[in-house]
N, C-alpha and C. Protein backbone atom coordinates (compact mmCIF):
# COMPACT_ATOMS: atom_id res chain seq x y z
N MET A 1 -13.88 -18.83 8.35
CA MET A 1 -13.38 -16.94 9.09
C MET A 1 -14.75 -16.79 9.72
N ALA A 2 -14.41 -15.68 10.28
CA ALA A 2 -15.02 -15.53 11.02
C ALA A 2 -15.34 -13.42 10.97
N VAL A 3 -16.65 -13.09 11.19
CA VAL A 3 -16.67 -12.37 10.62
C VAL A 3 -16.09 -10.90 10.89
N LEU A 4 -16.28 -9.84 9.92
CA LEU A 4 -15.78 -8.58 10.66
C LEU A 4 -15.39 -8.24 11.59
N GLN A 5 -14.72 -7.73 12.04
CA GLN A 5 -14.80 -6.30 13.73
C GLN A 5 -15.61 -5.63 13.34
N ASP A 6 -16.10 -5.57 14.15
CA ASP A 6 -16.89 -3.51 14.67
C ASP A 6 -16.41 -2.17 13.74
N ALA A 7 -15.04 -2.26 13.87
CA ALA A 7 -14.48 -1.42 13.19
C ALA A 7 -14.20 -1.42 11.69
N ASP A 8 -14.09 -3.06 11.34
CA ASP A 8 -14.16 -3.07 10.34
C ASP A 8 -15.53 -2.83 9.25
N ARG A 9 -16.63 -3.27 9.63
CA ARG A 9 -17.63 -2.76 9.60
C ARG A 9 -18.07 -1.32 9.61
N ALA A 10 -17.46 -0.49 10.81
CA ALA A 10 -17.79 0.61 9.74
C ALA A 10 -17.09 1.27 9.23
N GLU A 11 -15.85 0.62 8.43
CA GLU A 11 -15.01 1.07 7.46
C GLU A 11 -15.85 0.89 6.73
N LEU A 12 -16.20 -0.73 6.37
CA LEU A 12 -16.54 -0.58 5.06
C LEU A 12 -17.80 0.58 4.63
N HIS A 13 -18.98 0.29 5.77
CA HIS A 13 -20.24 1.47 5.61
C HIS A 13 -19.46 3.06 5.38
N ALA A 14 -18.51 2.89 5.97
CA ALA A 14 -18.02 4.83 5.70
C ALA A 14 -17.96 4.54 4.41
N GLU A 15 -17.15 4.10 3.47
CA GLU A 15 -16.71 3.71 2.24
C GLU A 15 -17.70 3.97 1.88
N ILE A 16 -18.20 2.91 2.05
CA ILE A 16 -20.75 2.68 1.00
C ILE A 16 -20.68 4.47 0.57
N MET A 17 -20.74 4.57 1.91
CA MET A 17 -21.82 5.93 2.07
C MET A 17 -20.57 7.64 1.21
N ARG A 18 -19.57 7.63 1.98
CA ARG A 18 -18.61 8.72 0.13
C ARG A 18 -18.81 7.53 -0.83
N GLY A 19 -19.92 7.11 -1.30
CA GLY A 19 -19.89 7.21 -2.58
C GLY A 19 -19.31 5.47 -3.63
N LEU A 20 -18.63 4.85 -3.16
CA LEU A 20 -17.89 3.89 -3.70
C LEU A 20 -18.74 3.20 -4.73
N VAL A 21 -20.78 2.35 -3.62
CA VAL A 21 -21.09 2.41 -3.96
C VAL A 21 -22.48 2.91 -4.13
N PRO A 22 -23.51 3.52 -5.49
CA PRO A 22 -24.19 4.68 -5.04
C PRO A 22 -25.74 4.73 -4.50
N VAL A 23 -25.47 4.04 -3.08
CA VAL A 23 -27.50 3.48 -2.57
C VAL A 23 -27.69 4.72 -2.71
N THR A 24 -29.18 4.27 -1.98
CA THR A 24 -30.42 5.71 -2.44
C THR A 24 -31.86 4.99 -1.68
N GLY A 25 -32.44 5.61 -1.01
CA GLY A 25 -34.23 5.11 -1.00
C GLY A 25 -33.99 4.84 1.01
N ILE A 26 -32.89 3.96 1.92
CA ILE A 26 -32.77 3.11 2.28
C ILE A 26 -31.71 4.58 3.49
N THR A 27 -31.64 5.08 4.82
CA THR A 27 -30.99 5.69 5.87
C THR A 27 -30.07 5.21 5.97
N LYS A 28 -28.93 5.88 6.84
CA LYS A 28 -27.95 5.46 6.95
C LYS A 28 -27.58 3.99 8.11
N PRO A 29 -29.00 4.13 9.38
CA PRO A 29 -29.14 3.05 9.68
C PRO A 29 -29.01 1.84 9.61
N GLU A 30 -30.02 1.90 8.34
CA GLU A 30 -30.90 0.57 7.97
C GLU A 30 -29.67 0.34 6.61
N LEU A 31 -28.62 1.06 6.05
CA LEU A 31 -27.43 0.66 5.20
C LEU A 31 -26.12 -0.38 6.58
N ARG A 32 -25.98 0.05 7.39
CA ARG A 32 -25.28 -0.16 8.25
C ARG A 32 -25.54 -1.45 9.12
N ALA A 33 -27.11 -1.40 9.12
CA ALA A 33 -27.82 -3.17 9.50
C ALA A 33 -27.37 -5.00 8.29
N ALA A 34 -27.92 -3.77 6.61
CA ALA A 34 -27.02 -4.23 5.67
C ALA A 34 -26.42 -4.86 5.50
N VAL A 35 -24.98 -3.60 5.91
CA VAL A 35 -23.43 -4.66 5.66
C VAL A 35 -23.27 -5.37 7.08
N ASN A 36 -24.47 -5.61 8.16
CA ASN A 36 -23.99 -6.41 8.97
C ASN A 36 -24.82 -7.56 8.80
N ALA A 37 -26.00 -7.52 7.82
CA ALA A 37 -26.25 -9.10 7.82
C ALA A 37 -26.18 -9.47 7.21
N ILE A 38 -25.40 -8.50 5.56
CA ILE A 38 -24.77 -9.58 4.61
C ILE A 38 -23.52 -9.98 5.27
N ASP A 39 -22.61 -9.74 5.90
CA ASP A 39 -21.37 -9.80 7.11
C ASP A 39 -21.51 -11.09 7.57
N GLN A 40 -22.76 -11.45 8.21
CA GLN A 40 -23.25 -12.82 9.21
C GLN A 40 -23.53 -13.79 8.39
N TRP A 41 -23.98 -13.35 6.91
CA TRP A 41 -24.99 -14.23 5.72
C TRP A 41 -23.71 -14.86 5.03
N ILE A 42 -22.22 -13.94 4.78
CA ILE A 42 -21.14 -14.86 4.61
C ILE A 42 -20.64 -15.97 5.00
N ASN A 43 -20.89 -15.75 6.87
CA ASN A 43 -20.30 -16.60 7.64
C ASN A 43 -20.54 -17.22 7.43
N ASP A 44 -22.22 -17.20 7.91
CA ASP A 44 -23.73 -18.09 7.85
C ASP A 44 -23.07 -19.53 6.70
N ASN A 45 -22.91 -19.21 5.66
CA ASN A 45 -22.90 -20.00 4.60
C ASN A 45 -21.59 -20.35 4.04
N ALA A 46 -19.99 -20.28 4.71
CA ALA A 46 -19.09 -20.32 3.85
C ALA A 46 -18.71 -21.24 3.57
N ALA A 47 -19.53 -22.16 4.72
CA ALA A 47 -19.63 -24.09 4.60
C ALA A 47 -20.42 -24.57 3.09
N ALA A 48 -21.06 -24.19 2.48
CA ALA A 48 -21.84 -24.30 1.05
C ALA A 48 -20.92 -23.82 0.40
N PHE A 49 -21.16 -22.73 0.21
CA PHE A 49 -19.90 -21.86 -1.37
C PHE A 49 -18.73 -23.08 -1.05
N ASN A 50 -18.23 -23.09 -0.09
CA ASN A 50 -16.94 -24.25 -0.37
C ASN A 50 -16.99 -25.41 -1.28
N ALA A 51 -18.44 -26.03 -0.34
CA ALA A 51 -18.70 -27.66 -1.22
C ALA A 51 -19.16 -27.06 -2.38
N ALA A 52 -19.79 -26.05 -2.87
CA ALA A 52 -20.59 -25.37 -4.05
C ALA A 52 -19.46 -24.76 -4.97
N ILE A 53 -17.95 -25.42 -4.90
CA ILE A 53 -16.94 -25.26 -5.80
C ILE A 53 -16.52 -26.67 -6.32
N PRO A 54 -16.05 -26.76 -6.92
CA PRO A 54 -15.52 -28.25 -7.73
C PRO A 54 -14.12 -28.53 -7.75
N GLN A 55 -13.63 -29.68 -7.34
CA GLN A 55 -12.60 -30.02 -7.06
C GLN A 55 -12.21 -30.26 -8.62
N PRO A 56 -10.74 -29.58 -8.54
CA PRO A 56 -9.57 -29.54 -7.62
C PRO A 56 -9.30 -28.45 -7.08
N ALA A 57 -10.29 -27.08 -7.89
CA ALA A 57 -10.70 -25.41 -7.50
C ALA A 57 -11.10 -25.68 -6.43
N ARG A 58 -11.26 -26.40 -6.22
CA ARG A 58 -11.96 -25.89 -4.00
C ARG A 58 -10.68 -26.63 -2.66
N SER A 59 -9.88 -27.66 -3.45
CA SER A 59 -8.46 -27.71 -2.55
C SER A 59 -7.61 -26.52 -3.35
N ALA A 60 -7.24 -26.29 -4.37
CA ALA A 60 -6.50 -26.19 -4.67
C ALA A 60 -5.88 -24.53 -4.21
N LEU A 61 -7.38 -23.54 -3.91
CA LEU A 61 -7.71 -22.68 -3.85
C LEU A 61 -7.61 -21.85 -2.36
N THR A 62 -6.66 -20.68 -2.47
CA THR A 62 -6.59 -20.42 -1.20
C THR A 62 -8.00 -19.72 -0.42
N SER A 63 -8.18 -19.19 0.28
CA SER A 63 -9.96 -18.75 0.85
C SER A 63 -9.93 -17.34 0.50
N SER A 64 -9.06 -16.58 0.20
CA SER A 64 -8.92 -15.33 -0.65
C SER A 64 -9.29 -15.51 -1.83
N GLN A 65 -8.38 -16.55 -2.30
CA GLN A 65 -8.71 -16.41 -3.39
C GLN A 65 -10.22 -17.03 -4.24
N LYS A 66 -10.44 -17.78 -3.38
CA LYS A 66 -12.36 -17.79 -3.29
C LYS A 66 -13.42 -16.74 -3.27
N ALA A 67 -12.92 -16.74 -1.91
CA ALA A 67 -13.83 -15.08 -2.58
C ALA A 67 -14.03 -13.89 -3.21
N ARG A 68 -12.74 -13.48 -3.84
CA ARG A 68 -12.31 -12.37 -4.66
C ARG A 68 -13.21 -13.52 -5.41
N LEU A 69 -12.74 -14.71 -6.13
CA LEU A 69 -14.07 -14.79 -7.11
C LEU A 69 -15.42 -15.10 -7.44
N LEU A 70 -15.66 -15.31 -5.64
CA LEU A 70 -17.32 -14.70 -5.66
C LEU A 70 -17.79 -13.21 -5.59
N ALA A 71 -16.68 -12.46 -5.48
CA ALA A 71 -16.94 -10.61 -5.62
C ALA A 71 -17.03 -10.69 -7.16
N LEU A 72 -15.77 -10.72 -7.55
CA LEU A 72 -16.30 -10.71 -9.20
C LEU A 72 -17.01 -11.13 -9.86
N ILE A 73 -17.71 -12.75 -9.46
CA ILE A 73 -18.64 -12.70 -10.23
C ILE A 73 -19.52 -11.82 -9.75
N ALA A 74 -20.34 -11.77 -8.76
CA ALA A 74 -21.51 -11.11 -8.31
C ALA A 74 -21.50 -9.54 -9.43
N LEU A 75 -20.51 -9.41 -9.13
CA LEU A 75 -20.18 -7.23 -9.57
C LEU A 75 -20.56 -7.96 -10.95
N LYS A 76 -20.35 -9.09 -11.90
CA LYS A 76 -20.32 -9.06 -13.38
C LYS A 76 -21.59 -9.88 -13.46
N ARG A 77 -22.55 -10.39 -12.23
CA ARG A 77 -23.58 -10.81 -12.77
C ARG A 77 -25.02 -9.48 -12.41
N PHE A 78 -24.08 -8.64 -11.85
CA PHE A 78 -25.46 -7.74 -11.04
C PHE A 78 -25.00 -6.19 -11.60
N ASP A 79 -23.86 -5.60 -11.63
CA ASP A 79 -23.47 -4.36 -11.51
C ASP A 79 -22.44 -4.47 -12.90
N LYS A 80 -22.07 -6.02 -14.09
CA LYS A 80 -21.11 -5.52 -15.42
C LYS A 80 -20.21 -4.47 -14.49
N GLY A 81 -19.24 -4.59 -13.63
CA GLY A 81 -18.13 -3.18 -13.34
C GLY A 81 -17.49 -4.03 -12.08
N VAL A 82 -16.39 -3.96 -11.84
CA VAL A 82 -15.82 -3.53 -10.91
C VAL A 82 -15.51 -3.00 -10.24
């Protein structure tokens, strides 16, 4: 899966700035740089993430389902909420 389009990254950045995810201690441009870098990291590490999923789940789940699982697990580990 390719990185997000610039418009999608900008929309995500705006959602974060509206308070969907409380962020303090950095400037707006620094937050945008973090959004861009995380999106790029996801793209760069997609194959390793997919390889870490055991069969038969790796073959049975769609890319969207795998991404949702990753997001939900990360939220549970670090935020304790969705």
